[in-house]
Amino acid sequence: MREYQKMMTKMMEEHKEIFENFKDIHNEYAMNPAQWQKLFNQYGAEVVEIIREYERRLCANMATGNYGRFSASLSEKFWGEVRSVFPKIDFVGVKTRG
């Protein structure tokens, strides 16, 4: 298992209840965005904050030294893992008309 996958697993385990609740809201939002947008954004803001914290932990050691150029790639792979579980995560905070 790659380092970004380990970090994703660790994050999901350490915040299991939050992510399980968000998964339900995320799935409802995917089917009916207008109705679930407020709750999705509310819970999503907390979830994105957690994700960013783990992203920082993952990339912290890579940002300095000879491996700085790999940090962006590692971050993108980590977010790819996140998007595989929460495809609509990028819509947190986005306001739609409706």
N, C-alpha and C. Protein backbone atom coordinates (compact mmCIF):
# COMPACT_ATOMS: atom_id res chain seq x y z
N MET A 1 0.85 -1.18 0.00
CA MET A 1 0.00 0.00 0.00
C MET A 1 0.89 1.24 0.00
N ARG A 2 0.55 2.19 -0.84
CA ARG A 2 1.32 3.43 -0.96
C ARG A 2 1.09 4.33 0.25
N GLU A 3 1.99 5.28 0.44
CA GLU A 3 1.92 6.17 1.60
C GLU A 3 0.62 6.99 1.62
N TYR A 4 0.21 7.50 0.47
CA TYR A 4 -1.02 8.30 0.44
C TYR A 4 -2.25 7.43 0.73
N GLN A 5 -2.20 6.16 0.36
CA GLN A 5 -3.30 5.25 0.67
C GLN A 5 -3.34 4.93 2.16
N LYS A 6 -2.17 4.79 2.76
CA LYS A 6 -2.09 4.57 4.20
C LYS A 6 -2.66 5.77 4.95
N MET A 7 -2.32 6.97 4.48
CA MET A 7 -2.81 8.18 5.13
C MET A 7 -4.32 8.30 4.98
N MET A 8 -4.84 7.91 3.84
CA MET A 8 -6.29 7.93 3.61
C MET A 8 -6.98 6.96 4.57
N THR A 9 -6.44 5.77 4.70
CA THR A 9 -7.00 4.77 5.60
C THR A 9 -6.96 5.25 7.04
N LYS A 10 -5.83 5.81 7.43
CA LYS A 10 -5.68 6.34 8.79
C LYS A 10 -6.70 7.44 9.06
N MET A 11 -6.85 8.35 8.12
CA MET A 11 -7.80 9.46 8.26
C MET A 11 -9.22 8.93 8.43
N MET A 12 -9.60 7.99 7.57
CA MET A 12 -10.96 7.44 7.62
C MET A 12 -11.22 6.69 8.93
N GLU A 13 -10.21 6.02 9.45
CA GLU A 13 -10.37 5.28 10.71
C GLU A 13 -10.43 6.22 11.91
N GLU A 14 -9.59 7.23 11.91
CA GLU A 14 -9.53 8.14 13.06
C GLU A 14 -10.75 9.05 13.15
N HIS A 15 -11.43 9.25 12.03
CA HIS A 15 -12.62 10.11 12.00
C HIS A 15 -13.80 9.34 11.41
N LYS A 16 -13.91 8.10 11.80
CA LYS A 16 -14.88 7.19 11.21
C LYS A 16 -16.31 7.71 11.26
N GLU A 17 -16.74 8.18 12.41
CA GLU A 17 -18.13 8.64 12.56
C GLU A 17 -18.43 9.84 11.66
N ILE A 18 -17.52 10.78 11.63
CA ILE A 18 -17.72 11.97 10.79
C ILE A 18 -17.82 11.58 9.32
N PHE A 19 -16.93 10.71 8.87
CA PHE A 19 -16.93 10.31 7.47
C PHE A 19 -18.14 9.44 7.11
N GLU A 20 -18.59 8.62 8.03
CA GLU A 20 -19.79 7.82 7.77
C GLU A 20 -21.02 8.71 7.64
N ASN A 21 -21.15 9.69 8.53
CA ASN A 21 -22.27 10.64 8.44
C ASN A 21 -22.21 11.43 7.13
N PHE A 22 -21.00 11.87 6.79
CA PHE A 22 -20.85 12.65 5.57
C PHE A 22 -21.13 11.81 4.33
N LYS A 23 -20.79 10.54 4.36
CA LYS A 23 -21.04 9.65 3.21
C LYS A 23 -22.53 9.60 2.89
N ASP A 24 -23.36 9.49 3.94
CA ASP A 24 -24.81 9.48 3.74
C ASP A 24 -25.29 10.80 3.13
N ILE A 25 -24.82 11.90 3.69
CA ILE A 25 -25.21 13.23 3.17
C ILE A 25 -24.69 13.41 1.75
N HIS A 26 -23.48 12.98 1.50
CA HIS A 26 -22.86 13.07 0.17
C HIS A 26 -23.71 12.33 -0.87
N ASN A 27 -24.14 11.12 -0.51
CA ASN A 27 -24.94 10.33 -1.45
C ASN A 27 -26.28 10.97 -1.72
N GLU A 28 -26.90 11.53 -0.70
CA GLU A 28 -28.18 12.23 -0.88
C GLU A 28 -27.98 13.48 -1.74
N TYR A 29 -26.89 14.20 -1.48
CA TYR A 29 -26.58 15.40 -2.27
C TYR A 29 -26.37 15.04 -3.75
N ALA A 30 -25.73 13.94 -4.00
CA ALA A 30 -25.48 13.52 -5.39
C ALA A 30 -26.78 13.29 -6.14
N MET A 31 -27.81 12.82 -5.43
CA MET A 31 -29.10 12.56 -6.08
C MET A 31 -30.01 13.79 -6.13
N ASN A 32 -29.87 14.69 -5.14
CA ASN A 32 -30.74 15.86 -5.08
C ASN A 32 -29.98 17.05 -4.49
N PRO A 33 -29.13 17.69 -5.30
CA PRO A 33 -28.27 18.76 -4.79
C PRO A 33 -29.03 19.93 -4.16
N ALA A 34 -30.11 20.37 -4.76
CA ALA A 34 -30.82 21.54 -4.25
C ALA A 34 -31.32 21.31 -2.82
N GLN A 35 -31.85 20.16 -2.57
CA GLN A 35 -32.42 19.85 -1.26
C GLN A 35 -31.35 19.64 -0.19
N TRP A 36 -30.22 19.10 -0.55
CA TRP A 36 -29.19 18.71 0.42
C TRP A 36 -28.00 19.67 0.48
N GLN A 37 -28.02 20.73 -0.32
CA GLN A 37 -26.86 21.60 -0.42
C GLN A 37 -26.43 22.21 0.92
N LYS A 38 -27.36 22.72 1.69
CA LYS A 38 -27.00 23.38 2.95
C LYS A 38 -26.31 22.40 3.90
N LEU A 39 -26.89 21.24 4.10
CA LEU A 39 -26.32 20.23 4.99
C LEU A 39 -24.99 19.71 4.44
N PHE A 40 -24.93 19.51 3.13
CA PHE A 40 -23.71 19.06 2.47
C PHE A 40 -22.57 20.05 2.71
N ASN A 41 -22.84 21.33 2.55
CA ASN A 41 -21.82 22.35 2.76
C ASN A 41 -21.42 22.45 4.23
N GLN A 42 -22.39 22.32 5.11
CA GLN A 42 -22.13 22.42 6.54
C GLN A 42 -21.21 21.29 7.02
N TYR A 43 -21.59 20.06 6.74
CA TYR A 43 -20.76 18.91 7.12
C TYR A 43 -19.50 18.84 6.27
N GLY A 44 -19.63 19.19 5.01
CA GLY A 44 -18.50 19.13 4.09
C GLY A 44 -17.35 20.03 4.48
N ALA A 45 -17.66 21.20 5.05
CA ALA A 45 -16.60 22.12 5.47
C ALA A 45 -15.71 21.47 6.52
N GLU A 46 -16.32 20.77 7.46
CA GLU A 46 -15.56 20.07 8.50
C GLU A 46 -14.74 18.93 7.89
N VAL A 47 -15.34 18.20 6.98
CA VAL A 47 -14.67 17.07 6.33
C VAL A 47 -13.47 17.55 5.51
N VAL A 48 -13.66 18.62 4.75
CA VAL A 48 -12.56 19.16 3.93
C VAL A 48 -11.42 19.64 4.82
N GLU A 49 -11.75 20.22 5.96
CA GLU A 49 -10.72 20.66 6.90
C GLU A 49 -9.89 19.47 7.39
N ILE A 50 -10.56 18.37 7.71
CA ILE A 50 -9.86 17.15 8.14
C ILE A 50 -8.99 16.62 7.01
N ILE A 51 -9.53 16.58 5.81
CA ILE A 51 -8.78 16.08 4.65
C ILE A 51 -7.52 16.92 4.43
N ARG A 52 -7.67 18.23 4.52
CA ARG A 52 -6.51 19.11 4.31
C ARG A 52 -5.45 18.92 5.38
N GLU A 53 -5.89 18.66 6.62
CA GLU A 53 -4.94 18.41 7.70
C GLU A 53 -4.10 17.16 7.39
N TYR A 54 -4.75 16.11 6.94
CA TYR A 54 -4.03 14.88 6.62
C TYR A 54 -3.18 15.04 5.36
N GLU A 55 -3.63 15.85 4.45
CA GLU A 55 -2.82 16.15 3.27
C GLU A 55 -1.54 16.87 3.69
N ARG A 56 -1.66 17.83 4.61
CA ARG A 56 -0.48 18.54 5.11
C ARG A 56 0.49 17.58 5.80
N ARG A 57 -0.05 16.66 6.60
CA ARG A 57 0.81 15.67 7.27
C ARG A 57 1.55 14.81 6.25
N LEU A 58 0.83 14.39 5.24
CA LEU A 58 1.40 13.53 4.21
C LEU A 58 2.53 14.23 3.47
N CYS A 59 2.33 15.48 3.13
CA CYS A 59 3.27 16.20 2.28
C CYS A 59 4.33 16.98 3.06
N ALA A 60 4.18 17.07 4.38
CA ALA A 60 5.09 17.89 5.19
C ALA A 60 6.55 17.52 4.99
N ASN A 61 6.85 16.27 5.01
CA ASN A 61 8.25 15.84 4.88
C ASN A 61 8.76 15.96 3.45
N MET A 62 7.86 15.95 2.50
CA MET A 62 8.26 16.00 1.09
C MET A 62 8.53 17.43 0.63
N ALA A 63 7.93 18.42 1.28
CA ALA A 63 7.99 19.80 0.81
C ALA A 63 9.41 20.37 0.87
N THR A 64 10.23 19.86 1.74
CA THR A 64 11.59 20.37 1.85
C THR A 64 12.58 19.38 1.22
N GLY A 65 13.72 19.89 0.94
CA GLY A 65 14.78 19.02 0.43
C GLY A 65 14.63 18.67 -1.04
N ASN A 66 15.20 17.57 -1.42
CA ASN A 66 15.25 17.15 -2.82
C ASN A 66 13.92 16.64 -3.35
N TYR A 67 12.97 16.37 -2.46
CA TYR A 67 11.71 15.76 -2.88
C TYR A 67 10.57 16.75 -3.02
N GLY A 68 10.86 18.03 -2.98
CA GLY A 68 9.82 19.06 -3.07
C GLY A 68 8.94 18.94 -4.29
N ARG A 69 9.52 18.55 -5.40
CA ARG A 69 8.73 18.46 -6.63
C ARG A 69 7.72 17.31 -6.59
N PHE A 70 7.93 16.33 -5.72
CA PHE A 70 7.01 15.20 -5.62
C PHE A 70 5.81 15.50 -4.73
N SER A 71 5.89 16.56 -3.94
CA SER A 71 4.84 16.90 -3.00
C SER A 71 3.51 17.16 -3.71
N ALA A 72 3.53 17.90 -4.79
CA ALA A 72 2.30 18.20 -5.54
C ALA A 72 1.70 16.92 -6.12
N SER A 73 2.52 16.06 -6.62
CA SER A 73 2.05 14.79 -7.17
C SER A 73 1.44 13.91 -6.08
N LEU A 74 2.08 13.88 -4.94
CA LEU A 74 1.59 13.10 -3.81
C LEU A 74 0.24 13.64 -3.34
N SER A 75 0.14 14.94 -3.27
CA SER A 75 -1.11 15.59 -2.87
C SER A 75 -2.23 15.23 -3.84
N GLU A 76 -1.93 15.26 -5.12
CA GLU A 76 -2.94 14.95 -6.14
C GLU A 76 -3.38 13.49 -6.04
N LYS A 77 -2.46 12.60 -5.76
CA LYS A 77 -2.82 11.19 -5.59
C LYS A 77 -3.71 11.00 -4.36
N PHE A 78 -3.38 11.71 -3.29
CA PHE A 78 -4.18 11.64 -2.07
C PHE A 78 -5.60 12.13 -2.34
N TRP A 79 -5.73 13.26 -3.02
CA TRP A 79 -7.06 13.79 -3.34
C TRP A 79 -7.80 12.86 -4.31
N GLY A 80 -7.07 12.17 -5.16
CA GLY A 80 -7.69 11.17 -6.04
C GLY A 80 -8.33 10.06 -5.23
N GLU A 81 -7.66 9.63 -4.17
CA GLU A 81 -8.22 8.63 -3.26
C GLU A 81 -9.48 9.17 -2.59
N VAL A 82 -9.42 10.41 -2.15
CA VAL A 82 -10.58 11.05 -1.51
C VAL A 82 -11.75 11.09 -2.49
N ARG A 83 -11.47 11.49 -3.72
CA ARG A 83 -12.54 11.60 -4.73
C ARG A 83 -13.10 10.23 -5.12
N SER A 84 -12.33 9.18 -4.93
CA SER A 84 -12.86 7.85 -5.24
C SER A 84 -13.95 7.46 -4.23
N VAL A 85 -13.87 7.99 -3.03
CA VAL A 85 -14.88 7.74 -2.01
C VAL A 85 -15.98 8.80 -2.04
N PHE A 86 -15.58 10.06 -2.24
CA PHE A 86 -16.51 11.19 -2.25
C PHE A 86 -16.37 11.96 -3.57
N PRO A 87 -17.00 11.49 -4.65
CA PRO A 87 -16.82 12.14 -5.95
C PRO A 87 -17.26 13.61 -5.99
N LYS A 88 -18.17 14.01 -5.11
CA LYS A 88 -18.67 15.39 -5.11
C LYS A 88 -17.96 16.29 -4.10
N ILE A 89 -16.85 15.85 -3.54
CA ILE A 89 -16.15 16.60 -2.51
C ILE A 89 -15.75 18.00 -2.99
N ASP A 90 -15.48 18.15 -4.27
CA ASP A 90 -15.07 19.45 -4.81
C ASP A 90 -16.22 20.45 -4.82
N PHE A 91 -17.43 19.99 -4.59
CA PHE A 91 -18.59 20.88 -4.59
C PHE A 91 -18.91 21.43 -3.20
N VAL A 92 -18.14 21.08 -2.20
CA VAL A 92 -18.35 21.63 -0.86
C VAL A 92 -18.10 23.13 -0.92
N GLY A 93 -19.06 23.89 -0.46
CA GLY A 93 -18.96 25.34 -0.46
C GLY A 93 -19.48 26.01 -1.72
N VAL A 94 -19.73 25.24 -2.74
CA VAL A 94 -20.27 25.78 -3.99
C VAL A 94 -21.76 26.01 -3.83
N LYS A 95 -22.22 27.16 -4.23
CA LYS A 95 -23.65 27.46 -4.14
C LYS A 95 -24.25 27.35 -5.53
N THR A 96 -25.32 26.57 -5.60
CA THR A 96 -26.00 26.40 -6.88
C THR A 96 -27.31 27.15 -6.86
N ARG A 97 -27.79 27.49 -8.01
CA ARG A 97 -29.10 28.12 -8.11
C ARG A 97 -30.16 27.05 -8.02
N GLY A 98 -31.23 27.39 -7.37
CA GLY A 98 -32.28 26.39 -7.33
C GLY A 98 -33.28 26.62 -6.34
